[in-house]
Every structure is written in C-alpha cells, then in structure tokens.
Amino acid sequence: MRNMFGAAAIACAVAVGCTAGEAREGQPLSGTAAVIDSALPIEEALRRFREGRTEPKALLGGVSTREGLARGFVAALEARDTAALRRLVLSAEEFAWLYYPASALSKPPYQL
C-alpha cells in the first residue's frame, strides 16, 4: 500500500513539473534563455576558444615537448608530487594551439 502512495506522489510531481514551465498557447515563456548551439564544427569551436588569446611559441613551465609533458606527468604522479603536477598544467593558450589540434579528440571519428 505504501508503494502505491509513493508511486502516485511521484506521478503527481512529474505531471506538475512538466506543466509548470509551459506557456499558454501563443504566449512565450517569461525569462526564456538564449538559444545556444553546441553543435559546431571543430574549426569554429576552436576559433571561438582561441579568440582573445595569444598563441604561445612553445610549452611553458620548463617542458619543451608533448612527450616531456607526458613523462613529467607520470613521474609526478608516481612521486605523488602535487607541486610538480601544478607546474605541468597547460594554460588555455597552450591547450588551444599546441595540444588540442594534434589530439585524437580533434580528428574523426572522435570530434563528434
């Protein structure tokens, strides 16, 4: 019997929640948020991400290659050295120009 009341309460909550934000026919919802289209081509998303950022010439923090960055990351993890890990964190600029374009996530089929 208790489960039946619980199920009825959930059904009521769902029904009220589904209609609470609906506008009357022909009337817009008040406080409607702007539409955001997240389905952008990689090139456009990267262009927007890079906007207002300066292209770095090389990795910062004393590491000169992606391999060196990966090796330093593994070594810092093994040593449990959080200070070393913090030094290896990529800036947004490093990510946008030096890491992401060569990443498998920016190429088919993963770019979806």
PDB file of N, CA and C in Angstrom:
ATOM      1  N   MET A   1       0.823  -1.192   0.000  1.00  0.00           N
ATOM      2  CA  MET A   1       0.000   0.000   0.000  1.00  0.00           C
ATOM      3  C   MET A   1       0.872   1.264   0.000  1.00  0.00           C
ATOM      4  N   ARG A   2       1.974   1.212   0.788  1.00  0.00           N
ATOM      5  CA  ARG A   2       2.855   2.367   0.879  1.00  0.00           C
ATOM      6  C   ARG A   2       3.489   2.660  -0.483  1.00  0.00           C
ATOM      7  N   ASN A   3       3.870   1.617  -1.222  1.00  0.00           N
ATOM      8  CA  ASN A   3       4.478   1.805  -2.539  1.00  0.00           C
ATOM      9  C   ASN A   3       3.518   2.463  -3.521  1.00  0.00           C
ATOM     10  N   MET A   4       2.234   2.140  -3.411  1.00  0.00           N
ATOM     11  CA  MET A   4       1.242   2.712  -4.299  1.00  0.00           C
ATOM     12  C   MET A   4       1.146   4.225  -4.074  1.00  0.00           C
ATOM     13  N   PHE A   5       1.166   4.659  -2.790  1.00  0.00           N
ATOM     14  CA  PHE A   5       1.119   6.093  -2.497  1.00  0.00           C
ATOM     15  C   PHE A   5       2.393   6.787  -2.966  1.00  0.00           C
ATOM     16  N   GLY A   6       3.528   6.121  -2.823  1.00  0.00           N
ATOM     17  CA  GLY A   6       4.795   6.689  -3.282  1.00  0.00           C
ATOM     18  C   GLY A   6       4.791   6.882  -4.786  1.00  0.00           C
ATOM     19  N   ALA A   7       4.294   5.880  -5.509  1.00  0.00           N
ATOM     20  CA  ALA A   7       4.221   5.959  -6.963  1.00  0.00           C
ATOM     21  C   ALA A   7       3.265   7.064  -7.392  1.00  0.00           C
ATOM     22  N   ALA A   8       2.157   7.213  -6.686  1.00  0.00           N
ATOM     23  CA  ALA A   8       1.193   8.265  -7.006  1.00  0.00           C
ATOM     24  C   ALA A   8       1.806   9.642  -6.758  1.00  0.00           C
ATOM     25  N   ALA A   9       2.572   9.772  -5.677  1.00  0.00           N
ATOM     26  CA  ALA A   9       3.211  11.048  -5.365  1.00  0.00           C
ATOM     27  C   ALA A   9       4.232  11.416  -6.438  1.00  0.00           C
ATOM     28  N   ILE A  10       4.997  10.443  -6.893  1.00  0.00           N
ATOM     29  CA  ILE A  10       5.984  10.696  -7.948  1.00  0.00           C
ATOM     30  C   ILE A  10       5.287  11.089  -9.244  1.00  0.00           C
ATOM     31  N   ALA A  11       4.200  10.394  -9.587  1.00  0.00           N
ATOM     32  CA  ALA A  11       3.459  10.703 -10.804  1.00  0.00           C
ATOM     33  C   ALA A  11       2.911  12.123 -10.756  1.00  0.00           C
ATOM     34  N   CYS A  12       2.404  12.543  -9.606  1.00  0.00           N
ATOM     35  CA  CYS A  12       1.892  13.909  -9.463  1.00  0.00           C
ATOM     36  C   CYS A  12       3.013  14.930  -9.607  1.00  0.00           C
ATOM     37  N   ALA A  13       4.137  14.658  -8.987  1.00  0.00           N
ATOM     38  CA  ALA A  13       5.269  15.581  -9.061  1.00  0.00           C
ATOM     39  C   ALA A  13       5.752  15.735 -10.493  1.00  0.00           C
ATOM     40  N   VAL A  14       5.815  14.639 -11.224  1.00  0.00           N
ATOM     41  CA  VAL A  14       6.241  14.686 -12.621  1.00  0.00           C
ATOM     42  C   VAL A  14       5.230  15.459 -13.449  1.00  0.00           C
ATOM     43  N   ALA A  15       3.946  15.209 -13.239  1.00  0.00           N
ATOM     44  CA  ALA A  15       2.905  15.894 -14.006  1.00  0.00           C
ATOM     45  C   ALA A  15       2.932  17.395 -13.742  1.00  0.00           C
ATOM     46  N   VAL A  16       3.105  17.787 -12.496  1.00  0.00           N
ATOM     47  CA  VAL A  16       3.162  19.208 -12.156  1.00  0.00           C
ATOM     48  C   VAL A  16       4.425  19.827 -12.727  1.00  0.00           C
ATOM     49  N   GLY A  17       5.553  19.138 -12.615  1.00  0.00           N
ATOM     50  CA  GLY A  17       6.817  19.645 -13.140  1.00  0.00           C
ATOM     51  C   GLY A  17       6.794  19.825 -14.641  1.00  0.00           C
ATOM     52  N   CYS A  18       6.115  18.933 -15.338  1.00  0.00           N
ATOM     53  CA  CYS A  18       6.070  19.007 -16.793  1.00  0.00           C
ATOM     54  C   CYS A  18       5.227  20.170 -17.287  1.00  0.00           C
ATOM     55  N   THR A  19       4.251  20.588 -16.521  1.00  0.00           N
ATOM     56  CA  THR A  19       3.382  21.671 -16.973  1.00  0.00           C
ATOM     57  C   THR A  19       3.709  22.999 -16.327  1.00  0.00           C
ATOM     58  N   ALA A  20       4.564  23.007 -15.297  1.00  0.00           N
ATOM     59  CA  ALA A  20       4.837  24.240 -14.562  1.00  0.00           C
ATOM     60  C   ALA A  20       5.467  25.311 -15.431  1.00  0.00           C
ATOM     61  N   GLY A  21       6.333  24.957 -16.363  1.00  0.00           N
ATOM     62  CA  GLY A  21       7.024  25.951 -17.171  1.00  0.00           C
ATOM     63  C   GLY A  21       6.365  26.222 -18.510  1.00  0.00           C
ATOM     64  N   GLU A  22       5.255  25.589 -18.814  1.00  0.00           N
ATOM     65  CA  GLU A  22       4.620  25.767 -20.112  1.00  0.00           C
ATOM     66  C   GLU A  22       3.856  27.082 -20.180  1.00  0.00           C
ATOM     67  N   ALA A  23       3.963  27.748 -21.294  1.00  0.00           N
ATOM     68  CA  ALA A  23       3.205  28.980 -21.509  1.00  0.00           C
ATOM     69  C   ALA A  23       1.868  28.627 -22.131  1.00  0.00           C
ATOM     70  N   ARG A  24       0.943  29.564 -22.049  1.00  0.00           N
ATOM     71  CA  ARG A  24      -0.331  29.365 -22.738  1.00  0.00           C
ATOM     72  C   ARG A  24      -0.063  29.424 -24.233  1.00  0.00           C
ATOM     73  N   GLU A  25      -0.879  28.775 -24.993  1.00  0.00           N
ATOM     74  CA  GLU A  25      -0.680  28.716 -26.432  1.00  0.00           C
ATOM     75  C   GLU A  25      -0.579  30.116 -27.020  1.00  0.00           C
ATOM     76  N   GLY A  26       0.482  30.339 -27.808  1.00  0.00           N
ATOM     77  CA  GLY A  26       0.682  31.626 -28.451  1.00  0.00           C
ATOM     78  C   GLY A  26       1.434  32.628 -27.597  1.00  0.00           C
ATOM     79  N   GLN A  27       1.738  32.278 -26.348  1.00  0.00           N
ATOM     80  CA  GLN A  27       2.462  33.204 -25.480  1.00  0.00           C
ATOM     81  C   GLN A  27       3.841  32.628 -25.162  1.00  0.00           C
ATOM     82  N   PRO A  28       4.891  33.453 -25.249  1.00  0.00           N
ATOM     83  CA  PRO A  28       6.237  32.953 -24.936  1.00  0.00           C
ATOM     84  C   PRO A  28       6.408  32.765 -23.441  1.00  0.00           C
ATOM     85  N   LEU A  29       7.328  31.893 -23.072  1.00  0.00           N
ATOM     86  CA  LEU A  29       7.676  31.717 -21.675  1.00  0.00           C
ATOM     87  C   LEU A  29       8.390  32.963 -21.188  1.00  0.00           C
ATOM     88  N   SER A  30       8.112  33.377 -19.973  1.00  0.00           N
ATOM     89  CA  SER A  30       8.845  34.522 -19.433  1.00  0.00           C
ATOM     90  C   SER A  30      10.210  34.040 -18.973  1.00  0.00           C
ATOM     91  N   GLY A  31      11.228  34.871 -19.139  1.00  0.00           N
ATOM     92  CA  GLY A  31      12.573  34.514 -18.700  1.00  0.00           C
ATOM     93  C   GLY A  31      13.207  33.429 -19.548  1.00  0.00           C
ATOM     94  N   THR A  32      12.808  33.307 -20.803  1.00  0.00           N
ATOM     95  CA  THR A  32      13.375  32.292 -21.684  1.00  0.00           C
ATOM     96  C   THR A  32      14.837  32.607 -21.956  1.00  0.00           C
ATOM     97  N   ALA A  33      15.694  31.615 -21.793  1.00  0.00           N
ATOM     98  CA  ALA A  33      17.135  31.786 -22.005  1.00  0.00           C
ATOM     99  C   ALA A  33      17.448  31.834 -23.495  1.00  0.00           C
ATOM    100  N   ALA A  34      18.594  32.392 -23.816  1.00  0.00           N
ATOM    101  CA  ALA A  34      19.053  32.441 -25.199  1.00  0.00           C
ATOM    102  C   ALA A  34      19.350  31.030 -25.693  1.00  0.00           C
ATOM    103  N   VAL A  35      19.180  30.815 -26.975  1.00  0.00           N
ATOM    104  CA  VAL A  35      19.465  29.523 -27.578  1.00  0.00           C
ATOM    105  C   VAL A  35      20.969  29.400 -27.785  1.00  0.00           C
ATOM    106  N   ILE A  36      21.533  28.290 -27.357  1.00  0.00           N
ATOM    107  CA  ILE A  36      22.958  28.047 -27.531  1.00  0.00           C
ATOM    108  C   ILE A  36      23.114  26.815 -28.410  1.00  0.00           C
ATOM    109  N   ASP A  37      23.787  26.978 -29.528  1.00  0.00           N
ATOM    110  CA  ASP A  37      24.004  25.868 -30.449  1.00  0.00           C
ATOM    111  C   ASP A  37      25.375  25.281 -30.174  1.00  0.00           C
ATOM    112  N   SER A  38      25.410  24.102 -29.582  1.00  0.00           N
ATOM    113  CA  SER A  38      26.691  23.487 -29.244  1.00  0.00           C
ATOM    114  C   SER A  38      27.192  22.554 -30.345  1.00  0.00           C
ATOM    115  N   ALA A  39      26.422  22.394 -31.395  1.00  0.00           N
ATOM    116  CA  ALA A  39      26.833  21.522 -32.491  1.00  0.00           C
ATOM    117  C   ALA A  39      27.585  22.347 -33.535  1.00  0.00           C
ATOM    118  N   LEU A  40      28.837  22.629 -33.220  1.00  0.00           N
ATOM    119  CA  LEU A  40      29.664  23.424 -34.115  1.00  0.00           C
ATOM    120  C   LEU A  40      30.774  22.561 -34.696  1.00  0.00           C
ATOM    121  N   PRO A  41      31.228  22.880 -35.904  1.00  0.00           N
ATOM    122  CA  PRO A  41      32.402  22.178 -36.436  1.00  0.00           C
ATOM    123  C   PRO A  41      33.609  22.474 -35.538  1.00  0.00           C
ATOM    124  N   ILE A  42      34.537  21.533 -35.478  1.00  0.00           N
ATOM    125  CA  ILE A  42      35.731  21.680 -34.649  1.00  0.00           C
ATOM    126  C   ILE A  42      36.454  22.995 -34.953  1.00  0.00           C
ATOM    127  N   GLU A  43      36.578  23.325 -36.218  1.00  0.00           N
ATOM    128  CA  GLU A  43      37.305  24.534 -36.607  1.00  0.00           C
ATOM    129  C   GLU A  43      36.674  25.777 -35.990  1.00  0.00           C
ATOM    130  N   GLU A  44      35.341  25.854 -36.017  1.00  0.00           N
ATOM    131  CA  GLU A  44      34.645  27.017 -35.465  1.00  0.00           C
ATOM    132  C   GLU A  44      34.736  27.049 -33.939  1.00  0.00           C
ATOM    133  N   ALA A  45      34.564  25.913 -33.296  1.00  0.00           N
ATOM    134  CA  ALA A  45      34.675  25.856 -31.835  1.00  0.00           C
ATOM    135  C   ALA A  45      36.082  26.265 -31.396  1.00  0.00           C
ATOM    136  N   LEU A  46      37.090  25.788 -32.105  1.00  0.00           N
ATOM    137  CA  LEU A  46      38.473  26.136 -31.770  1.00  0.00           C
ATOM    138  C   LEU A  46      38.742  27.622 -32.033  1.00  0.00           C
ATOM    139  N   ARG A  47      38.205  28.144 -33.113  1.00  0.00           N
ATOM    140  CA  ARG A  47      38.359  29.570 -33.403  1.00  0.00           C
ATOM    141  C   ARG A  47      37.764  30.410 -32.273  1.00  0.00           C
ATOM    142  N   ARG A  48      36.580  30.027 -31.812  1.00  0.00           N
ATOM    143  CA  ARG A  48      35.933  30.760 -30.722  1.00  0.00           C
ATOM    144  C   ARG A  48      36.728  30.629 -29.422  1.00  0.00           C
ATOM    145  N   PHE A  49      37.259  29.452 -29.161  1.00  0.00           N
ATOM    146  CA  PHE A  49      38.045  29.234 -27.940  1.00  0.00           C
ATOM    147  C   PHE A  49      39.327  30.057 -27.965  1.00  0.00           C
ATOM    148  N   ARG A  50      39.941  30.176 -29.141  1.00  0.00           N
ATOM    149  CA  ARG A  50      41.200  30.909 -29.277  1.00  0.00           C
ATOM    150  C   ARG A  50      41.000  32.426 -29.247  1.00  0.00           C
ATOM    151  N   GLU A  51      39.793  32.876 -29.527  1.00  0.00           N
ATOM    152  CA  GLU A  51      39.506  34.301 -29.622  1.00  0.00           C
ATOM    153  C   GLU A  51      39.946  35.040 -28.348  1.00  0.00           C
ATOM    154  N   GLY A  52      40.770  36.079 -28.534  1.00  0.00           N
ATOM    155  CA  GLY A  52      41.245  36.875 -27.410  1.00  0.00           C
ATOM    156  C   GLY A  52      42.446  36.288 -26.680  1.00  0.00           C
ATOM    157  N   ARG A  53      42.953  35.158 -27.164  1.00  0.00           N
ATOM    158  CA  ARG A  53      44.120  34.529 -26.546  1.00  0.00           C
ATOM    159  C   ARG A  53      45.322  34.660 -27.481  1.00  0.00           C
ATOM    160  N   THR A  54      46.487  34.764 -26.900  1.00  0.00           N
ATOM    161  CA  THR A  54      47.724  34.895 -27.668  1.00  0.00           C
ATOM    162  C   THR A  54      48.338  33.517 -27.914  1.00  0.00           C
ATOM    163  N   GLU A  55      48.751  33.283 -29.153  1.00  0.00           N
ATOM    164  CA  GLU A  55      49.364  31.993 -29.497  1.00  0.00           C
ATOM    165  C   GLU A  55      50.749  31.890 -28.867  1.00  0.00           C
ATOM    166  N   PRO A  56      50.981  30.848 -28.051  1.00  0.00           N
ATOM    167  CA  PRO A  56      52.309  30.669 -27.456  1.00  0.00           C
ATOM    168  C   PRO A  56      53.269  30.066 -28.479  1.00  0.00           C
ATOM    169  N   LYS A  57      54.542  30.364 -28.333  1.00  0.00           N
ATOM    170  CA  LYS A  57      55.554  29.819 -29.243  1.00  0.00           C
ATOM    171  C   LYS A  57      55.974  28.414 -28.822  1.00  0.00           C
ATOM    172  N   ALA A  58      55.855  28.109 -27.531  1.00  0.00           N
ATOM    173  CA  ALA A  58      56.255  26.795 -27.008  1.00  0.00           C
ATOM    174  C   ALA A  58      55.529  26.541 -25.691  1.00  0.00           C
ATOM    175  N   LEU A  59      55.646  25.309 -25.206  1.00  0.00           N
ATOM    176  CA  LEU A  59      55.093  24.985 -23.895  1.00  0.00           C
ATOM    177  C   LEU A  59      55.831  25.776 -22.817  1.00  0.00           C
ATOM    178  N   LEU A  60      55.097  26.197 -21.815  1.00  0.00           N
ATOM    179  CA  LEU A  60      55.688  26.934 -20.702  1.00  0.00           C
ATOM    180  C   LEU A  60      55.983  25.967 -19.561  1.00  0.00           C
ATOM    181  N   GLY A  61      56.620  26.441 -18.519  1.00  0.00           N
ATOM    182  CA  GLY A  61      56.840  25.602 -17.342  1.00  0.00           C
ATOM    183  C   GLY A  61      58.036  24.684 -17.431  1.00  0.00           C
ATOM    184  N   GLY A  62      58.941  24.929 -18.368  1.00  0.00           N
ATOM    185  CA  GLY A  62      60.163  24.143 -18.429  1.00  0.00           C
ATOM    186  C   GLY A  62      60.096  22.860 -19.227  1.00  0.00           C
ATOM    187  N   VAL A  63      58.969  22.544 -19.822  1.00  0.00           N
ATOM    188  CA  VAL A  63      58.840  21.342 -20.648  1.00  0.00           C
ATOM    189  C   VAL A  63      58.766  21.795 -22.102  1.00  0.00           C
ATOM    190  N   SER A  64      59.561  21.162 -22.963  1.00  0.00           N
ATOM    191  CA  SER A  64      59.624  21.631 -24.345  1.00  0.00           C
ATOM    192  C   SER A  64      58.842  20.784 -25.341  1.00  0.00           C
ATOM    193  N   THR A  65      58.449  19.566 -24.973  1.00  0.00           N
ATOM    194  CA  THR A  65      57.728  18.696 -25.908  1.00  0.00           C
ATOM    195  C   THR A  65      56.518  18.062 -25.236  1.00  0.00           C
ATOM    196  N   ARG A  66      55.605  17.577 -26.072  1.00  0.00           N
ATOM    197  CA  ARG A  66      54.435  16.869 -25.538  1.00  0.00           C
ATOM    198  C   ARG A  66      54.872  15.596 -24.815  1.00  0.00           C
ATOM    199  N   GLU A  67      55.877  14.925 -25.357  1.00  0.00           N
ATOM    200  CA  GLU A  67      56.382  13.716 -24.701  1.00  0.00           C
ATOM    201  C   GLU A  67      56.966  14.052 -23.327  1.00  0.00           C
ATOM    202  N   GLY A  68      57.714  15.141 -23.258  1.00  0.00           N
ATOM    203  CA  GLY A  68      58.272  15.575 -21.984  1.00  0.00           C
ATOM    204  C   GLY A  68      57.177  15.906 -20.980  1.00  0.00           C
ATOM    205  N   LEU A  69      56.097  16.504 -21.468  1.00  0.00           N
ATOM    206  CA  LEU A  69      54.953  16.816 -20.616  1.00  0.00           C
ATOM    207  C   LEU A  69      54.332  15.533 -20.065  1.00  0.00           C
ATOM    208  N   ALA A  70      54.145  14.547 -20.938  1.00  0.00           N
ATOM    209  CA  ALA A  70      53.562  13.272 -20.509  1.00  0.00           C
ATOM    210  C   ALA A  70      54.472  12.544 -19.525  1.00  0.00           C
ATOM    211  N   ARG A  71      55.763  12.522 -19.811  1.00  0.00           N
ATOM    212  CA  ARG A  71      56.715  11.865 -18.906  1.00  0.00           C
ATOM    213  C   ARG A  71      56.758  12.572 -17.540  1.00  0.00           C
ATOM    214  N   GLY A  72      56.744  13.896 -17.561  1.00  0.00           N
ATOM    215  CA  GLY A  72      56.732  14.649 -16.314  1.00  0.00           C
ATOM    216  C   GLY A  72      55.477  14.399 -15.513  1.00  0.00           C
ATOM    217  N   PHE A  73      54.351  14.268 -16.218  1.00  0.00           N
ATOM    218  CA  PHE A  73      53.077  13.992 -15.563  1.00  0.00           C
ATOM    219  C   PHE A  73      53.119  12.637 -14.864  1.00  0.00           C
ATOM    220  N   VAL A  74      53.594  11.618 -15.573  1.00  0.00           N
ATOM    221  CA  VAL A  74      53.682  10.268 -14.988  1.00  0.00           C
ATOM    222  C   VAL A  74      54.643  10.260 -13.805  1.00  0.00           C
ATOM    223  N   ALA A  75      55.787  10.913 -13.957  1.00  0.00           N
ATOM    224  CA  ALA A  75      56.772  10.958 -12.865  1.00  0.00           C
ATOM    225  C   ALA A  75      56.189  11.665 -11.638  1.00  0.00           C
ATOM    226  N   ALA A  76      55.457  12.766 -11.859  1.00  0.00           N
ATOM    227  CA  ALA A  76      54.854  13.485 -10.734  1.00  0.00           C
ATOM    228  C   ALA A  76      53.774  12.646 -10.058  1.00  0.00           C
ATOM    229  N   LEU A  77      53.008  11.906 -10.846  1.00  0.00           N
ATOM    230  CA  LEU A  77      52.002  11.015 -10.256  1.00  0.00           C
ATOM    231  C   LEU A  77      52.656   9.930  -9.418  1.00  0.00           C
ATOM    232  N   GLU A  78      53.689   9.306  -9.977  1.00  0.00           N
ATOM    233  CA  GLU A  78      54.387   8.245  -9.243  1.00  0.00           C
ATOM    234  C   GLU A  78      54.986   8.757  -7.944  1.00  0.00           C
ATOM    235  N   ALA A  79      55.493   9.982  -7.965  1.00  0.00           N
ATOM    236  CA  ALA A  79      56.121  10.565  -6.779  1.00  0.00           C
ATOM    237  C   ALA A  79      55.092  11.238  -5.857  1.00  0.00           C
ATOM    238  N   ARG A  80      53.860  11.290  -6.310  1.00  0.00           N
ATOM    239  CA  ARG A  80      52.788  11.983  -5.565  1.00  0.00           C
ATOM    240  C   ARG A  80      53.178  13.434  -5.284  1.00  0.00           C
ATOM    241  N   ASP A  81      53.742  14.055  -6.303  1.00  0.00           N
ATOM    242  CA  ASP A  81      54.264  15.415  -6.199  1.00  0.00           C
ATOM    243  C   ASP A  81      53.255  16.396  -6.794  1.00  0.00           C
ATOM    244  N   THR A  82      52.379  16.943  -5.953  1.00  0.00           N
ATOM    245  CA  THR A  82      51.343  17.850  -6.455  1.00  0.00           C
ATOM    246  C   THR A  82      51.932  19.168  -6.954  1.00  0.00           C
ATOM    247  N   ALA A  83      53.040  19.606  -6.375  1.00  0.00           N
ATOM    248  CA  ALA A  83      53.670  20.848  -6.849  1.00  0.00           C
ATOM    249  C   ALA A  83      54.149  20.669  -8.293  1.00  0.00           C
ATOM    250  N   ALA A  84      54.737  19.524  -8.591  1.00  0.00           N
ATOM    251  CA  ALA A  84      55.188  19.247  -9.959  1.00  0.00           C
ATOM    252  C   ALA A  84      53.993  19.157 -10.909  1.00  0.00           C
ATOM    253  N   LEU A  85      52.902  18.550 -10.461  1.00  0.00           N
ATOM    254  CA  LEU A  85      51.696  18.458 -11.295  1.00  0.00           C
ATOM    255  C   LEU A  85      51.161  19.853 -11.608  1.00  0.00           C
ATOM    256  N   ARG A  86      51.146  20.729 -10.624  1.00  0.00           N
ATOM    257  CA  ARG A  86      50.659  22.095 -10.855  1.00  0.00           C
ATOM    258  C   ARG A  86      51.503  22.819 -11.902  1.00  0.00           C
ATOM    259  N   ARG A  87      52.804  22.590 -11.903  1.00  0.00           N
ATOM    260  CA  ARG A  87      53.679  23.233 -12.891  1.00  0.00           C
ATOM    261  C   ARG A  87      53.414  22.718 -14.302  1.00  0.00           C
ATOM    262  N   LEU A  88      52.869  21.512 -14.409  1.00  0.00           N
ATOM    263  CA  LEU A  88      52.635  20.897 -15.720  1.00  0.00           C
ATOM    264  C   LEU A  88      51.259  21.212 -16.313  1.00  0.00           C
ATOM    265  N   VAL A  89      50.422  21.881 -15.562  1.00  0.00           N
ATOM    266  CA  VAL A  89      49.085  22.201 -16.062  1.00  0.00           C
ATOM    267  C   VAL A  89      49.198  23.118 -17.274  1.00  0.00           C
ATOM    268  N   LEU A  90      48.488  22.760 -18.344  1.00  0.00           N
ATOM    269  CA  LEU A  90      48.502  23.574 -19.557  1.00  0.00           C
ATOM    270  C   LEU A  90      47.652  24.816 -19.367  1.00  0.00           C
ATOM    271  N   SER A  91      48.102  25.914 -19.918  1.00  0.00           N
ATOM    272  CA  SER A  91      47.275  27.119 -19.953  1.00  0.00           C
ATOM    273  C   SER A  91      46.249  26.939 -21.073  1.00  0.00           C
ATOM    274  N   ALA A  92      45.252  27.806 -21.095  1.00  0.00           N
ATOM    275  CA  ALA A  92      44.255  27.747 -22.170  1.00  0.00           C
ATOM    276  C   ALA A  92      44.925  27.964 -23.524  1.00  0.00           C
ATOM    277  N   GLU A  93      45.924  28.846 -23.559  1.00  0.00           N
ATOM    278  CA  GLU A  93      46.640  29.117 -24.809  1.00  0.00           C
ATOM    279  C   GLU A  93      47.420  27.893 -25.278  1.00  0.00           C
ATOM    280  N   GLU A  94      48.108  27.234 -24.360  1.00  0.00           N
ATOM    281  CA  GLU A  94      48.855  26.024 -24.720  1.00  0.00           C
ATOM    282  C   GLU A  94      47.902  24.937 -25.219  1.00  0.00           C
ATOM    283  N   PHE A  95      46.777  24.804 -24.550  1.00  0.00           N
ATOM    284  CA  PHE A  95      45.792  23.802 -24.958  1.00  0.00           C
ATOM    285  C   PHE A  95      45.262  24.110 -26.355  1.00  0.00           C
ATOM    286  N   ALA A  96      44.901  25.375 -26.590  1.00  0.00           N
ATOM    287  CA  ALA A  96      44.264  25.766 -27.849  1.00  0.00           C
ATOM    288  C   ALA A  96      45.173  25.658 -29.058  1.00  0.00           C
ATOM    289  N   TRP A  97      46.448  25.968 -28.900  1.00  0.00           N
ATOM    290  CA  TRP A  97      47.337  25.984 -30.066  1.00  0.00           C
ATOM    291  C   TRP A  97      48.309  24.807 -30.128  1.00  0.00           C
ATOM    292  N   LEU A  98      48.737  24.304 -28.997  1.00  0.00           N
ATOM    293  CA  LEU A  98      49.794  23.297 -29.015  1.00  0.00           C
ATOM    294  C   LEU A  98      49.308  21.879 -28.743  1.00  0.00           C
ATOM    295  N   TYR A  99      48.266  21.727 -27.941  1.00  0.00           N
ATOM    296  CA  TYR A  99      47.830  20.379 -27.586  1.00  0.00           C
ATOM    297  C   TYR A  99      46.638  19.919 -28.420  1.00  0.00           C
ATOM    298  N   TYR A 100      45.538  20.638 -28.358  1.00  0.00           N
ATOM    299  CA  TYR A 100      44.292  20.156 -28.952  1.00  0.00           C
ATOM    300  C   TYR A 100      44.356  19.879 -30.456  1.00  0.00           C
ATOM    301  N   PRO A 101      44.958  20.729 -31.271  1.00  0.00           N
ATOM    302  CA  PRO A 101      44.976  20.450 -32.712  1.00  0.00           C
ATOM    303  C   PRO A 101      45.630  19.113 -33.079  1.00  0.00           C
ATOM    304  N   ALA A 102      46.554  18.625 -32.257  1.00  0.00           N
ATOM    305  CA  ALA A 102      47.215  17.342 -32.534  1.00  0.00           C
ATOM    306  C   ALA A 102      46.562  16.186 -31.784  1.00  0.00           C
ATOM    307  N   SER A 103      45.566  16.480 -30.970  1.00  0.00           N
ATOM    308  CA  SER A 103      44.896  15.458 -30.167  1.00  0.00           C
ATOM    309  C   SER A 103      43.975  14.594 -31.030  1.00  0.00           C
ATOM    310  N   ALA A 104      43.854  13.337 -30.667  1.00  0.00           N
ATOM    311  CA  ALA A 104      42.926  12.440 -31.378  1.00  0.00           C
ATOM    312  C   ALA A 104      41.487  12.924 -31.239  1.00  0.00           C
ATOM    313  N   LEU A 105      41.185  13.685 -30.184  1.00  0.00           N
ATOM    314  CA  LEU A 105      39.819  14.169 -29.969  1.00  0.00           C
ATOM    315  C   LEU A 105      39.416  15.260 -30.952  1.00  0.00           C
ATOM    316  N   SER A 106      40.356  15.780 -31.698  1.00  0.00           N
ATOM    317  CA  SER A 106      40.025  16.816 -32.690  1.00  0.00           C
ATOM    318  C   SER A 106      39.926  16.222 -34.090  1.00  0.00           C
ATOM    319  N   LYS A 107      40.028  14.919 -34.194  1.00  0.00           N
ATOM    320  CA  LYS A 107      40.026  14.257 -35.504  1.00  0.00           C
ATOM    321  C   LYS A 107      38.937  13.179 -35.563  1.00  0.00           C
ATOM    322  N   PRO A 108      38.479  12.872 -36.776  1.00  0.00           N
ATOM    323  CA  PRO A 108      37.465  11.818 -36.916  1.00  0.00           C
ATOM    324  C   PRO A 108      37.948  10.497 -36.347  1.00  0.00           C
ATOM    325  N   PRO A 109      37.105   9.723 -35.779  1.00  0.00           N
ATOM    326  CA  PRO A 109      35.668   9.944 -35.584  1.00  0.00           C
ATOM    327  C   PRO A 109      35.360  10.595 -34.241  1.00  0.00           C
ATOM    328  N   TYR A 110      36.358  11.001 -33.480  1.00  0.00           N
ATOM    329  CA  TYR A 110      36.141  11.473 -32.115  1.00  0.00           C
ATOM    330  C   TYR A 110      35.671  12.911 -32.009  1.00  0.00           C
ATOM    331  N   GLN A 111      35.797  13.690 -33.042  1.00  0.00           N
ATOM    332  CA  GLN A 111      35.444  15.100 -32.979  1.00  0.00           C
ATOM    333  C   GLN A 111      33.955  15.329 -32.816  1.00  0.00           C
ATOM    334  N   LEU A 112      33.157  14.292 -32.887  1.00  0.00           N
ATOM    335  CA  LEU A 112      31.720  14.447 -32.737  1.00  0.00           C
ATOM    336  C   LEU A 112      31.387  14.861 -31.338  1.00  0.00           C
TER     337      LEU A 112
END
